[in-house]
C-alpha atoms as a PDB file:
ATOM      1  CA  MET A   1       7.490  -8.899  26.233  1.00  0.00           C
ATOM      2  CA  PRO A   2       9.445  -6.249  23.940  1.00  0.00           C
ATOM      3  CA  ALA A   3       8.809  -2.848  25.136  1.00  0.00           C
ATOM      4  CA  TYR A   4       9.146  -0.788  21.358  1.00  0.00           C
ATOM      5  CA  ASP A   5       8.338   2.804  21.325  1.00  0.00           C
ATOM      6  CA  ALA A   6       8.969   3.677  17.539  1.00  0.00           C
ATOM      7  CA  PHE A   7       7.878   2.450  14.338  1.00  0.00           C
ATOM      8  CA  LEU A   8      10.368   2.902  11.233  1.00  0.00           C
ATOM      9  CA  LEU A   9       9.368   2.347   7.783  1.00  0.00           C
ATOM     10  CA  VAL A  10      12.177   1.461   5.352  1.00  0.00           C
ATOM     11  CA  SER A  11      12.478   1.898   1.426  1.00  0.00           C
ATOM     12  CA  PHE A  12      14.603   1.790  -1.046  1.00  0.00           C
ATOM     13  CA  GLY A  13      14.201   5.764  -2.066  1.00  0.00           C
ATOM     14  CA  GLY A  14      13.905   7.516  -5.023  1.00  0.00           C
ATOM     15  CA  PRO A  15      14.661  11.109  -6.631  1.00  0.00           C
ATOM     16  CA  GLU A  16      11.986  14.005  -6.584  1.00  0.00           C
ATOM     17  CA  GLY A  17      13.278  16.070  -9.592  1.00  0.00           C
ATOM     18  CA  PRO A  18      15.670  15.852 -12.563  1.00  0.00           C
ATOM     19  CA  ASP A  19      18.933  17.285 -10.676  1.00  0.00           C
ATOM     20  CA  GLU A  20      18.547  14.574  -8.191  1.00  0.00           C
ATOM     21  CA  VAL A  21      18.132  11.663 -10.870  1.00  0.00           C
ATOM     22  CA  MET A  22      22.004  10.778 -11.653  1.00  0.00           C
ATOM     23  CA  PRO A  23      23.152  11.158  -8.150  1.00  0.00           C
ATOM     24  CA  PHE A  24      20.507   8.853  -6.923  1.00  0.00           C
ATOM     25  CA  LEU A  25      21.401   6.028  -9.508  1.00  0.00           C
ATOM     26  CA  GLU A  26      24.984   6.575  -8.560  1.00  0.00           C
ATOM     27  CA  ASN A  27      23.834   5.716  -5.104  1.00  0.00           C
ATOM     28  CA  VAL A  28      21.946   2.735  -6.156  1.00  0.00           C
ATOM     29  CA  THR A  29      25.155   1.448  -8.286  1.00  0.00           C
ATOM     30  CA  ARG A  30      27.882   2.260  -6.173  1.00  0.00           C
ATOM     31  CA  GLY A  31      30.517  -0.113  -6.379  1.00  0.00           C
ATOM     32  CA  ARG A  32      29.137  -2.190  -9.006  1.00  0.00           C
ATOM     33  CA  GLY A  33      30.926  -0.858 -12.176  1.00  0.00           C
ATOM     34  CA  ILE A  34      27.907  -0.077 -13.851  1.00  0.00           C
ATOM     35  CA  PRO A  35      28.805   2.317 -17.089  1.00  0.00           C
ATOM     36  CA  ARG A  36      28.350   5.440 -16.981  1.00  0.00           C
ATOM     37  CA  GLU A  37      26.172   5.524 -20.434  1.00  0.00           C
ATOM     38  CA  ARG A  38      24.288   2.719 -19.046  1.00  0.00           C
ATOM     39  CA  LEU A  39      23.065   5.302 -16.188  1.00  0.00           C
ATOM     40  CA  ALA A  40      22.756   7.905 -18.604  1.00  0.00           C
ATOM     41  CA  GLY A  41      20.127   5.528 -20.310  1.00  0.00           C
ATOM     42  CA  VAL A  42      18.219   4.377 -17.270  1.00  0.00           C
ATOM     43  CA  ALA A  43      18.103   8.032 -16.187  1.00  0.00           C
ATOM     44  CA  GLU A  44      15.728   8.979 -19.399  1.00  0.00           C
ATOM     45  CA  HIS A  45      13.037   6.999 -17.997  1.00  0.00           C
ATOM     46  CA  TYR A  46      12.915   9.500 -14.694  1.00  0.00           C
ATOM     47  CA  TYR A  47      13.227  12.182 -17.363  1.00  0.00           C
ATOM     48  CA  ALA A  48      10.484  11.323 -19.173  1.00  0.00           C
ATOM     49  CA  VAL A  49       8.287  11.842 -16.323  1.00  0.00           C
ATOM     50  CA  GLY A  50       9.768  14.690 -14.889  1.00  0.00           C
ATOM     51  CA  GLY A  51      12.737  13.474 -13.067  1.00  0.00           C
ATOM     52  CA  VAL A  52      10.398  12.231 -10.261  1.00  0.00           C
ATOM     53  CA  SER A  53      10.370   8.608  -8.790  1.00  0.00           C
ATOM     54  CA  PRO A  54       6.456   7.903  -7.374  1.00  0.00           C
ATOM     55  CA  ILE A  55       8.235   5.908  -4.711  1.00  0.00           C
ATOM     56  CA  ASN A  56       8.374   8.659  -2.393  1.00  0.00           C
ATOM     57  CA  GLN A  57       5.222   9.991  -2.330  1.00  0.00           C
ATOM     58  CA  GLN A  58       4.189   6.334  -2.171  1.00  0.00           C
ATOM     59  CA  CYS A  59       5.753   6.310   1.094  1.00  0.00           C
ATOM     60  CA  ARG A  60       4.576   9.285   2.158  1.00  0.00           C
ATOM     61  CA  ASP A  61       1.007   7.806   1.846  1.00  0.00           C
ATOM     62  CA  LEU A  62       1.816   4.633   3.028  1.00  0.00           C
ATOM     63  CA  LEU A  63       3.091   6.118   6.343  1.00  0.00           C
ATOM     64  CA  ALA A  64      -0.084   8.488   6.667  1.00  0.00           C
ATOM     65  CA  ALA A  65      -2.257   5.242   6.421  1.00  0.00           C
ATOM     66  CA  ILE A  66      -0.169   3.374   9.025  1.00  0.00           C
ATOM     67  CA  ARG A  67      -0.155   6.349  11.245  1.00  0.00           C
ATOM     68  CA  ALA A  68      -4.269   6.431  11.119  1.00  0.00           C
ATOM     69  CA  ASP A  69      -4.552   2.542  11.487  1.00  0.00           C
ATOM     70  CA  PHE A  70      -2.316   2.394  14.667  1.00  0.00           C
ATOM     71  CA  GLY A  71      -3.979   5.649  15.886  1.00  0.00           C
ATOM     72  CA  ALA A  72      -7.650   3.669  15.037  1.00  0.00           C
ATOM     73  CA  SER A  73      -6.198   0.326  16.535  1.00  0.00           C
ATOM     74  CA  GLY A  74      -4.979   1.789  20.114  1.00  0.00           C
ATOM     75  CA  LEU A  75      -1.047   1.672  18.779  1.00  0.00           C
ATOM     76  CA  SER A  76       0.866   4.748  20.058  1.00  0.00           C
ATOM     77  CA  LEU A  77       3.746   4.127  18.412  1.00  0.00           C
ATOM     78  CA  PRO A  78       5.555   7.233  16.635  1.00  0.00           C
ATOM     79  CA  ALA A  79       6.479   6.532  13.191  1.00  0.00           C
ATOM     80  CA  TYR A  80       9.733   7.171  11.132  1.00  0.00           C
ATOM     81  CA  TRP A  81      10.743   6.639   7.456  1.00  0.00           C
ATOM     82  CA  GLY A  82      14.263   6.052   6.344  1.00  0.00           C
ATOM     83  CA  ASN A  83      15.200   5.297   2.687  1.00  0.00           C
ATOM     84  CA  ARG A  84      18.398   3.244   1.341  1.00  0.00           C
ATOM     85  CA  ASN A  85      19.182   5.308  -1.378  1.00  0.00           C
ATOM     86  CA  TRP A  86      17.636   8.935  -1.179  1.00  0.00           C
ATOM     87  CA  LYS A  87      16.198  11.354   1.063  1.00  0.00           C
ATOM     88  CA  PRO A  88      15.114  10.842   3.845  1.00  0.00           C
ATOM     89  CA  TYR A  89      18.129   8.557   4.324  1.00  0.00           C
ATOM     90  CA  LEU A  90      17.781   5.918   6.917  1.00  0.00           C
ATOM     91  CA  THR A  91      21.115   7.380   8.201  1.00  0.00           C
ATOM     92  CA  ASP A  92      19.692  10.678   9.208  1.00  0.00           C
ATOM     93  CA  THR A  93      16.116   9.025  10.343  1.00  0.00           C
ATOM     94  CA  VAL A  94      17.947   6.955  12.942  1.00  0.00           C
ATOM     95  CA  ARG A  95      19.843   9.719  14.201  1.00  0.00           C
ATOM     96  CA  THR A  96      16.810  11.739  14.439  1.00  0.00           C
ATOM     97  CA  MET A  97      15.009   8.885  16.676  1.00  0.00           C
ATOM     98  CA  ALA A  98      18.197   8.741  18.747  1.00  0.00           C
ATOM     99  CA  ALA A  99      17.675  12.522  19.635  1.00  0.00           C
ATOM    100  CA  ASP A 100      13.807  11.899  20.086  1.00  0.00           C
ATOM    101  CA  GLY A 101      14.901   9.226  22.671  1.00  0.00           C
ATOM    102  CA  VAL A 102      13.818   6.401  20.805  1.00  0.00           C
ATOM    103  CA  ARG A 103      15.331   2.968  22.486  1.00  0.00           C
ATOM    104  CA  ARG A 104      13.724   0.252  20.550  1.00  0.00           C
ATOM    105  CA  ALA A 105      12.424   0.230  17.314  1.00  0.00           C
ATOM    106  CA  VAL A 106      10.315  -1.996  15.221  1.00  0.00           C
ATOM    107  CA  ALA A 107      10.960  -1.631  11.184  1.00  0.00           C
ATOM    108  CA  PHE A 108       8.788  -2.643   8.389  1.00  0.00           C
ATOM    109  CA  VAL A 109      10.986  -2.859   5.074  1.00  0.00           C
ATOM    110  CA  THR A 110       8.773  -2.260   1.782  1.00  0.00           C
ATOM    111  CA  SER A 111      10.180  -5.668   0.319  1.00  0.00           C
ATOM    112  CA  ALA A 112       8.261  -9.234   1.008  1.00  0.00           C
ATOM    113  CA  TYR A 113      10.807 -11.706  -0.107  1.00  0.00           C
ATOM    114  CA  SER A 114      14.054 -13.540   0.822  1.00  0.00           C
ATOM    115  CA  SER A 115      17.676 -12.438  -1.042  1.00  0.00           C
ATOM    116  CA  TYR A 116      20.300 -10.116  -0.410  1.00  0.00           C
ATOM    117  CA  SER A 117      18.856  -7.011  -1.970  1.00  0.00           C
ATOM    118  CA  SER A 118      14.962  -7.624  -0.060  1.00  0.00           C
ATOM    119  CA  CYS A 119      16.428  -8.686   3.158  1.00  0.00           C
ATOM    120  CA  ARG A 120      20.048  -8.797   3.994  1.00  0.00           C
ATOM    121  CA  GLN A 121      21.155  -5.503   2.485  1.00  0.00           C
ATOM    122  CA  TYR A 122      18.101  -3.827   4.407  1.00  0.00           C
ATOM    123  CA  LEU A 123      19.550  -5.393   7.510  1.00  0.00           C
ATOM    124  CA  ASP A 124      22.991  -4.469   6.805  1.00  0.00           C
ATOM    125  CA  ASP A 125      21.696  -0.513   5.905  1.00  0.00           C
ATOM    126  CA  ILE A 126      19.951  -0.718   9.538  1.00  0.00           C
ATOM    127  CA  GLU A 127      23.142  -1.717  11.141  1.00  0.00           C
ATOM    128  CA  ARG A 128      25.177   0.791   9.399  1.00  0.00           C
ATOM    129  CA  ALA A 129      22.956   3.772  10.074  1.00  0.00           C
ATOM    130  CA  ARG A 130      22.638   2.737  13.826  1.00  0.00           C
ATOM    131  CA  ALA A 131      26.469   2.877  13.869  1.00  0.00           C
ATOM    132  CA  ALA A 132      26.745   6.303  12.223  1.00  0.00           C
ATOM    133  CA  ALA A 133      23.792   7.587  15.103  1.00  0.00           C
ATOM    134  CA  GLY A 134      26.413   6.724  17.528  1.00  0.00           C
ATOM    135  CA  PRO A 135      25.969   4.631  21.088  1.00  0.00           C
ATOM    136  CA  ASP A 136      22.405   6.230  21.444  1.00  0.00           C
ATOM    137  CA  ALA A 137      21.236   4.788  18.463  1.00  0.00           C
ATOM    138  CA  PRO A 138      18.068   2.821  19.264  1.00  0.00           C
ATOM    139  CA  ARG A 139      17.792  -1.026  18.600  1.00  0.00           C
ATOM    140  CA  ILE A 140      15.868  -1.602  15.522  1.00  0.00           C
ATOM    141  CA  ASP A 141      14.261  -5.097  14.625  1.00  0.00           C
ATOM    142  CA  LYS A 142      12.902  -5.885  11.023  1.00  0.00           C
ATOM    143  CA  ILE A 143       9.350  -7.511  10.601  1.00  0.00           C
ATOM    144  CA  ARG A 144       9.652 -10.735   9.266  1.00  0.00           C
ATOM    145  CA  ARG A 145       9.011 -11.712   5.510  1.00  0.00           C
ATOM    146  CA  PHE A 146       5.113 -11.065   4.632  1.00  0.00           C
ATOM    147  CA  TYR A 147       5.007 -12.643   1.150  1.00  0.00           C
ATOM    148  CA  ASP A 148       2.461 -14.990   1.951  1.00  0.00           C
ATOM    149  CA  HIS A 149       0.711 -12.814   4.228  1.00  0.00           C
ATOM    150  CA  PRO A 150      -3.110 -12.525   3.126  1.00  0.00           C
ATOM    151  CA  GLY A 151      -2.977  -9.298   3.536  1.00  0.00           C
ATOM    152  CA  PHE A 152      -0.310  -9.027   0.602  1.00  0.00           C
ATOM    153  CA  ILE A 153      -1.997 -11.465  -1.573  1.00  0.00           C
ATOM    154  CA  GLU A 154      -5.482 -10.386  -0.892  1.00  0.00           C
ATOM    155  CA  PRO A 155      -4.830  -6.666  -2.796  1.00  0.00           C
ATOM    156  CA  PHE A 156      -2.969  -8.554  -5.293  1.00  0.00           C
ATOM    157  CA  ALA A 157      -6.166 -10.676  -6.158  1.00  0.00           C
ATOM    158  CA  ALA A 158      -8.224  -7.801  -6.079  1.00  0.00           C
ATOM    159  CA  SER A 159      -6.270  -5.729  -8.434  1.00  0.00           C
ATOM    160  CA  THR A 160      -5.990  -8.958 -10.725  1.00  0.00           C
ATOM    161  CA  GLN A 161      -9.493  -9.206 -10.810  1.00  0.00           C
ATOM    162  CA  ALA A 162      -9.867  -5.907 -11.700  1.00  0.00           C
ATOM    163  CA  ALA A 163      -7.272  -5.771 -14.592  1.00  0.00           C
ATOM    164  CA  LEU A 164      -9.032  -8.957 -15.772  1.00  0.00           C
ATOM    165  CA  ALA A 165     -12.321  -6.922 -15.610  1.00  0.00           C
ATOM    166  CA  ALA A 166     -10.723  -3.888 -17.826  1.00  0.00           C
ATOM    167  CA  LEU A 167      -9.748  -6.958 -20.660  1.00  0.00           C
ATOM    168  CA  PRO A 168     -12.141  -7.110 -23.823  1.00  0.00           C
ATOM    169  CA  ALA A 169     -15.368  -9.470 -21.995  1.00  0.00           C
ATOM    170  CA  GLY A 170     -14.402 -12.141 -24.668  1.00  0.00           C
ATOM    171  CA  LEU A 171     -11.150 -12.497 -23.482  1.00  0.00           C
ATOM    172  CA  ARG A 172     -11.174 -12.422 -20.106  1.00  0.00           C
ATOM    173  CA  ASP A 173     -11.598 -15.997 -18.964  1.00  0.00           C
ATOM    174  CA  GLN A 174      -8.781 -17.450 -21.216  1.00  0.00           C
ATOM    175  CA  ALA A 175      -6.346 -14.404 -20.063  1.00  0.00           C
ATOM    176  CA  HIS A 176      -2.768 -15.556 -19.135  1.00  0.00           C
ATOM    177  CA  LEU A 177      -1.473 -14.264 -15.763  1.00  0.00           C
ATOM    178  CA  VAL A 178       2.139 -13.547 -16.004  1.00  0.00           C
ATOM    179  CA  PHE A 179       3.403 -12.530 -12.464  1.00  0.00           C
ATOM    180  CA  THR A 180       6.816 -10.421 -12.473  1.00  0.00           C
ATOM    181  CA  ALA A 181       9.749  -9.979  -9.977  1.00  0.00           C
ATOM    182  CA  HIS A 182      13.156  -8.010 -10.112  1.00  0.00           C
ATOM    183  CA  SER A 183      15.514 -10.310 -11.867  1.00  0.00           C
ATOM    184  CA  ILE A 184      18.436 -10.707  -9.713  1.00  0.00           C
ATOM    185  CA  PRO A 185      21.803 -12.928 -10.106  1.00  0.00           C
ATOM    186  CA  VAL A 186      21.431 -16.454 -10.195  1.00  0.00           C
ATOM    187  CA  ALA A 187      23.898 -16.850  -7.813  1.00  0.00           C
ATOM    188  CA  MET A 188      22.422 -14.337  -5.390  1.00  0.00           C
ATOM    189  CA  ALA A 189      18.949 -16.313  -5.680  1.00  0.00           C
ATOM    190  CA  GLU A 190      20.635 -19.609  -4.827  1.00  0.00           C
ATOM    191  CA  ALA A 191      22.647 -18.060  -1.763  1.00  0.00           C
ATOM    192  CA  SER A 192      21.470 -18.674   1.621  1.00  0.00           C
ATOM    193  CA  GLY A 193      22.497 -18.228   5.327  1.00  0.00           C
ATOM    194  CA  PRO A 194      22.477 -20.598   8.341  1.00  0.00           C
ATOM    195  CA  GLY A 195      19.249 -22.777   8.319  1.00  0.00           C
ATOM    196  CA  GLN A 196      18.085 -21.132   5.341  1.00  0.00           C
ATOM    197  CA  SER A 197      17.271 -23.692   2.153  1.00  0.00           C
ATOM    198  CA  ARG A 198      18.758 -22.196  -1.307  1.00  0.00           C
ATOM    199  CA  GLY A 199      16.684 -20.934  -3.904  1.00  0.00           C
ATOM    200  CA  ARG A 200      14.115 -19.135  -1.300  1.00  0.00           C
ATOM    201  CA  TYR A 201      13.717 -15.739  -3.291  1.00  0.00           C
ATOM    202  CA  VAL A 202      11.939 -18.027  -6.314  1.00  0.00           C
ATOM    203  CA  ALA A 203       9.985 -20.383  -4.235  1.00  0.00           C
ATOM    204  CA  GLU A 204       8.545 -17.241  -1.998  1.00  0.00           C
ATOM    205  CA  LEU A 205       7.536 -15.915  -5.540  1.00  0.00           C
ATOM    206  CA  THR A 206       6.121 -19.070  -6.626  1.00  0.00           C
ATOM    207  CA  GLN A 207       3.945 -19.523  -3.534  1.00  0.00           C
ATOM    208  CA  ALA A 208       2.638 -15.996  -3.790  1.00  0.00           C
ATOM    209  CA  ALA A 209       1.653 -15.968  -7.501  1.00  0.00           C
ATOM    210  CA  ARG A 210       0.044 -19.646  -6.635  1.00  0.00           C
ATOM    211  CA  LEU A 211      -1.843 -18.037  -3.611  1.00  0.00           C
ATOM    212  CA  ILE A 212      -3.181 -15.031  -5.622  1.00  0.00           C
ATOM    213  CA  THR A 213      -4.069 -16.974  -8.476  1.00  0.00           C
ATOM    214  CA  GLU A 214      -6.056 -19.483  -6.347  1.00  0.00           C
ATOM    215  CA  ARG A 215      -8.045 -15.965  -4.690  1.00  0.00           C
ATOM    216  CA  VAL A 216      -8.753 -14.536  -8.463  1.00  0.00           C
ATOM    217  CA  GLY A 217     -11.722 -17.216  -8.416  1.00  0.00           C
ATOM    218  CA  GLY A 218     -13.583 -18.730 -11.261  1.00  0.00           C
ATOM    219  CA  ASP A 219     -11.963 -21.319 -13.454  1.00  0.00           C
ATOM    220  CA  PRO A 220      -8.058 -21.340 -12.510  1.00  0.00           C
ATOM    221  CA  HIS A 221      -6.073 -18.692 -15.107  1.00  0.00           C
ATOM    222  CA  PRO A 222      -2.886 -20.329 -16.343  1.00  0.00           C
ATOM    223  CA  TRP A 223       0.009 -18.564 -15.167  1.00  0.00           C
ATOM    224  CA  THR A 224       3.756 -18.021 -15.182  1.00  0.00           C
ATOM    225  CA  LEU A 225       6.179 -16.259 -13.301  1.00  0.00           C
ATOM    226  CA  ALA A 226       8.873 -14.295 -15.071  1.00  0.00           C
ATOM    227  CA  TYR A 227      11.455 -11.558 -14.522  1.00  0.00           C
ATOM    228  CA  GLN A 228      12.146  -7.890 -15.294  1.00  0.00           C
ATOM    229  CA  SER A 229      14.491  -4.900 -15.001  1.00  0.00           C
ATOM    230  CA  ARG A 230      17.710  -7.029 -15.520  1.00  0.00           C
ATOM    231  CA  SER A 231      20.847  -4.526 -14.743  1.00  0.00           C
ATOM    232  CA  GLY A 232      23.996  -6.713 -14.659  1.00  0.00           C
ATOM    233  CA  PRO A 233      26.097  -7.699 -17.431  1.00  0.00           C
ATOM    234  CA  PRO A 234      25.525  -9.854 -20.243  1.00  0.00           C
ATOM    235  CA  ALA A 235      28.060 -12.492 -19.211  1.00  0.00           C
ATOM    236  CA  GLN A 236      26.441 -13.017 -15.604  1.00  0.00           C
ATOM    237  CA  PRO A 237      23.600 -15.383 -15.300  1.00  0.00           C
ATOM    238  CA  TRP A 238      20.465 -13.435 -14.015  1.00  0.00           C
ATOM    239  CA  LEU A 239      17.021 -15.149 -13.036  1.00  0.00           C
ATOM    240  CA  GLU A 240      14.869 -15.760 -16.369  1.00  0.00           C
ATOM    241  CA  PRO A 241      12.854 -15.848 -18.281  1.00  0.00           C
ATOM    242  CA  ASP A 242      12.344 -12.286 -19.051  1.00  0.00           C
ATOM    243  CA  VAL A 243       8.849 -10.820 -19.048  1.00  0.00           C
ATOM    244  CA  GLY A 244       9.511  -9.715 -22.768  1.00  0.00           C
ATOM    245  CA  ASP A 245      10.004 -13.105 -23.655  1.00  0.00           C
ATOM    246  CA  VAL A 246       7.189 -14.635 -22.233  1.00  0.00           C
ATOM    247  CA  LEU A 247       4.708 -12.213 -24.080  1.00  0.00           C
ATOM    248  CA  ALA A 248       6.346 -13.562 -27.147  1.00  0.00           C
ATOM    249  CA  GLU A 249       6.066 -16.803 -26.580  1.00  0.00           C
ATOM    250  CA  LEU A 250       2.264 -16.569 -25.174  1.00  0.00           C
ATOM    251  CA  ALA A 251       1.618 -14.977 -28.086  1.00  0.00           C
ATOM    252  CA  SER A 252       3.292 -17.320 -30.436  1.00  0.00           C
ATOM    253  CA  THR A 253       1.481 -19.933 -29.003  1.00  0.00           C
ATOM    254  CA  GLY A 254      -2.140 -18.685 -29.343  1.00  0.00           C
ATOM    255  CA  THR A 255      -2.680 -16.737 -26.221  1.00  0.00           C
ATOM    256  CA  LYS A 256      -4.909 -13.704 -27.073  1.00  0.00           C
ATOM    257  CA  ALA A 257      -4.820 -11.718 -23.769  1.00  0.00           C
ATOM    258  CA  VAL A 258      -2.327 -11.660 -20.691  1.00  0.00           C
ATOM    259  CA  VAL A 259      -2.520  -9.483 -17.335  1.00  0.00           C
ATOM    260  CA  VAL A 260       0.915  -8.718 -15.995  1.00  0.00           C
ATOM    261  CA  VAL A 261       1.114  -8.798 -12.138  1.00  0.00           C
ATOM    262  CA  PRO A 262       4.193  -7.494 -10.296  1.00  0.00           C
ATOM    263  CA  VAL A 263       4.251  -9.643  -7.426  1.00  0.00           C
ATOM    264  CA  GLY A 264       7.841  -8.808  -6.626  1.00  0.00           C
ATOM    265  CA  PHE A 265       6.825  -5.172  -5.619  1.00  0.00           C
ATOM    266  CA  VAL A 266       4.942  -3.333  -3.058  1.00  0.00           C
ATOM    267  CA  SER A 267       4.371   0.035  -4.980  1.00  0.00           C
ATOM    268  CA  ASP A 268       3.945   1.351  -8.257  1.00  0.00           C
ATOM    269  CA  HIS A 269       7.513   2.708  -8.767  1.00  0.00           C
ATOM    270  CA  MET A 270       9.337   3.877 -11.887  1.00  0.00           C
ATOM    271  CA  GLU A 271      10.539  -0.208 -12.701  1.00  0.00           C
ATOM    272  CA  VAL A 272       6.708  -1.198 -12.699  1.00  0.00           C
ATOM    273  CA  ARG A 273       5.556   2.003 -14.547  1.00  0.00           C
ATOM    274  CA  HIS A 274       8.106   2.157 -17.195  1.00  0.00           C
ATOM    275  CA  ASP A 275       9.348  -1.379 -17.513  1.00  0.00           C
ATOM    276  CA  LEU A 276       5.870  -2.871 -17.323  1.00  0.00           C
ATOM    277  CA  ASP A 277       3.293   0.072 -18.290  1.00  0.00           C
ATOM    278  CA  THR A 278       5.479   1.207 -21.067  1.00  0.00           C
ATOM    279  CA  GLU A 279       7.824  -1.649 -22.590  1.00  0.00           C
ATOM    280  CA  ALA A 280       5.777  -4.432 -21.638  1.00  0.00           C
ATOM    281  CA  ALA A 281       2.875  -2.542 -22.899  1.00  0.00           C
ATOM    282  CA  ARG A 282       4.135  -1.577 -26.240  1.00  0.00           C
ATOM    283  CA  SER A 283       5.441  -5.399 -26.765  1.00  0.00           C
ATOM    284  CA  ALA A 284       2.089  -7.185 -26.125  1.00  0.00           C
ATOM    285  CA  GLU A 285       0.478  -4.188 -28.534  1.00  0.00           C
ATOM    286  CA  SER A 286       2.979  -5.175 -30.851  1.00  0.00           C
ATOM    287  CA  LEU A 287       2.327  -8.935 -30.461  1.00  0.00           C
ATOM    288  CA  GLY A 288      -1.641  -8.301 -30.598  1.00  0.00           C
ATOM    289  CA  LEU A 289      -2.084  -9.167 -27.001  1.00  0.00           C
ATOM    290  CA  ALA A 290      -4.900  -7.196 -24.760  1.00  0.00           C
ATOM    291  CA  PHE A 291      -2.664  -6.473 -21.912  1.00  0.00           C
ATOM    292  CA  ALA A 292      -3.642  -5.066 -18.473  1.00  0.00           C
ATOM    293  CA  ARG A 293      -1.668  -4.643 -15.648  1.00  0.00           C
ATOM    294  CA  ALA A 294      -2.787  -5.280 -12.016  1.00  0.00           C
ATOM    295  CA  ALA A 295      -1.952  -2.798  -9.445  1.00  0.00           C
ATOM    296  CA  THR A 296       0.773  -3.477  -6.231  1.00  0.00           C
ATOM    297  CA  PRO A 297      -0.686  -2.818  -2.676  1.00  0.00           C
ATOM    298  CA  GLY A 298       0.586   0.691  -2.413  1.00  0.00           C
ATOM    299  CA  SER A 299      -1.393   1.931   0.810  1.00  0.00           C
ATOM    300  CA  HIS A 300      -4.674  -0.650   0.398  1.00  0.00           C
ATOM    301  CA  PRO A 301      -6.184  -0.793   3.677  1.00  0.00           C
ATOM    302  CA  ARG A 302      -5.393  -4.681   3.602  1.00  0.00           C
ATOM    303  CA  PHE A 303      -1.950  -4.241   3.155  1.00  0.00           C
ATOM    304  CA  VAL A 304      -2.174  -1.112   5.646  1.00  0.00           C
ATOM    305  CA  ALA A 305      -4.064  -3.412   8.353  1.00  0.00           C
ATOM    306  CA  MET A 306      -1.290  -6.291   7.764  1.00  0.00           C
ATOM    307  CA  ILE A 307       1.302  -3.927   8.909  1.00  0.00           C
ATOM    308  CA  THR A 308      -0.416  -3.392  11.999  1.00  0.00           C
ATOM    309  CA  ASP A 309      -1.108  -6.758  12.667  1.00  0.00           C
ATOM    310  CA  LEU A 310       2.633  -7.782  12.069  1.00  0.00           C
ATOM    311  CA  VAL A 311       3.461  -5.053  14.763  1.00  0.00           C
ATOM    312  CA  ARG A 312       1.039  -6.466  16.917  1.00  0.00           C
ATOM    313  CA  GLU A 313       2.403  -9.748  16.015  1.00  0.00           C
ATOM    314  CA  ARG A 314       5.872  -8.532  16.875  1.00  0.00           C
ATOM    315  CA  LEU A 315       4.708  -6.607  20.033  1.00  0.00           C
ATOM    316  CA  ALA A 316       2.940 -10.038  21.543  1.00  0.00           C
ATOM    317  CA  ARG A 317       6.177 -12.207  21.341  1.00  0.00           C
ATOM    318  CA  PRO A 318       8.636 -12.985  24.011  1.00  0.00           C
ATOM    319  CA  ASP A 319      11.954 -10.781  24.003  1.00  0.00           C
ATOM    320  CA  THR A 320      14.089 -14.089  23.665  1.00  0.00           C
ATOM    321  CA  GLY A 321      16.549 -12.808  20.974  1.00  0.00           C
ATOM    322  CA  PRO A 322      17.824 -13.350  17.595  1.00  0.00           C
ATOM    323  CA  ASP A 323      16.278 -16.864  16.451  1.00  0.00           C
ATOM    324  CA  PRO A 324      18.591 -19.327  15.078  1.00  0.00           C
ATOM    325  CA  ASP A 325      16.273 -19.873  12.082  1.00  0.00           C
ATOM    326  CA  PRO A 326      13.774 -17.715  10.101  1.00  0.00           C
ATOM    327  CA  GLY A 327      11.083 -19.929   9.545  1.00  0.00           C
ATOM    328  CA  ASP A 328       8.334 -19.710   7.218  1.00  0.00           C
ATOM    329  CA  ALA A 329       6.540 -16.111   6.852  1.00  0.00           C
ATOM    330  CA  GLY A 330       2.973 -18.141   7.998  1.00  0.00           C
ATOM    331  CA  GLY A 331       4.150 -18.946  10.955  1.00  0.00           C
ATOM    332  CA  PRO A 332       5.212 -16.864  13.986  1.00  0.00           C
ATOM    333  CA  ASP A 333       7.292 -13.648  13.586  1.00  0.00           C
ATOM    334  CA  GLN A 334      11.042 -14.632  13.937  1.00  0.00           C
ATOM    335  CA  ASP A 335      13.921 -12.355  13.538  1.00  0.00           C
ATOM    336  CA  CYS A 336      16.209 -13.173  10.834  1.00  0.00           C
ATOM    337  CA  PRO A 337      19.572 -14.987  11.661  1.00  0.00           C
ATOM    338  CA  ALA A 338      22.967 -13.727  11.857  1.00  0.00           C
ATOM    339  CA  GLY A 339      24.228 -14.348   8.391  1.00  0.00           C
ATOM    340  CA  CYS A 340      20.726 -14.655   6.472  1.00  0.00           C
ATOM    341  CA  CYS A 341      20.310 -14.002   2.842  1.00  0.00           C
ATOM    342  CA  ARG A 342      24.524 -13.552   2.771  1.00  0.00           C
ATOM    343  CA  TYR A 343      25.645 -12.787  -0.994  1.00  0.00           C
ATOM    344  CA  ALA A 344      29.593 -12.645  -0.780  1.00  0.00           C
ATOM    345  CA  THR A 345      30.426 -11.733  -4.329  1.00  0.00           C
ATOM    346  CA  GLY A 346      28.382  -8.324  -4.615  1.00  0.00           C
ATOM    347  CA  ALA A 347      25.686  -6.643  -4.630  1.00  0.00           C
ATOM    348  CA  SER A 348      22.555  -5.926  -6.675  1.00  0.00           C
ATOM    349  CA  ARG A 349      18.798  -5.026  -5.991  1.00  0.00           C
ATOM    350  CA  ALA A 350      15.116  -6.461  -6.216  1.00  0.00           C
END
């Protein structure tokens, strides 16, 4: 059995003050040729809320909940946290782990799906951090995708039910569910690695949306998968339809109420709060749609318990090394194979 001696939470990161906003955005977009004026426009979303992204505090809350659940469950792994794009940087965290004598860690990444930006990029970041930490760097094994795990689905179903209850009573039963995820380039969405089918990102999002809808209960609500937060050049095809276009189409065909469910996200960070709570909500109001937004799992007890379950699953598996194929997320825990989710022509984020 694997002899893990630490747990590592890996996330995206975000600024925690106005002075950090532009450096953070430059980190996120480095090498992508994003015009400075585009970054300045996005920066205004952060400045409007004091220059502080909620994501780091949400990671602190999640890490505290994980530590508490580990203790209650008899897991004695010390828990660390590192980010891809801002403090605490993953490289610094891995150096600390090495200095602390950690030899092998199990990592939970705050992204449930397959794609370059939601899977492979994190794996590459982990390997770069290990290389920077030197020969004493711990081995770090990433926990499998969890898009269809009940601990991910059930908190979304509960928050969708709560959002439906917030709508006017006469509109709840007919409300349309609009599931959203970060748009990515079509070429990235269709990329695959050894043993992987193409288009896993969309297929996994579709499966998660279906499972959430089934668990909401009552008469099935109609639902649509939409995308948000596109950041690429106009000439490059990205996943569609955009959530704004979906809202306009629903309003034009007689829909009176919508619940937006950010199924592509683990926590209520800036792209949820601005793109949905501000922009999508404003669009819905202008279209005459009653609007409510479901909360993401965050540090929901069921979600935290899922993380503990996934760590236990990893602890219990034979130490057979990397698997030739990642399998389905509903099956036994398996490593991503070498080359999974490769996207050769560029990088983006989900």
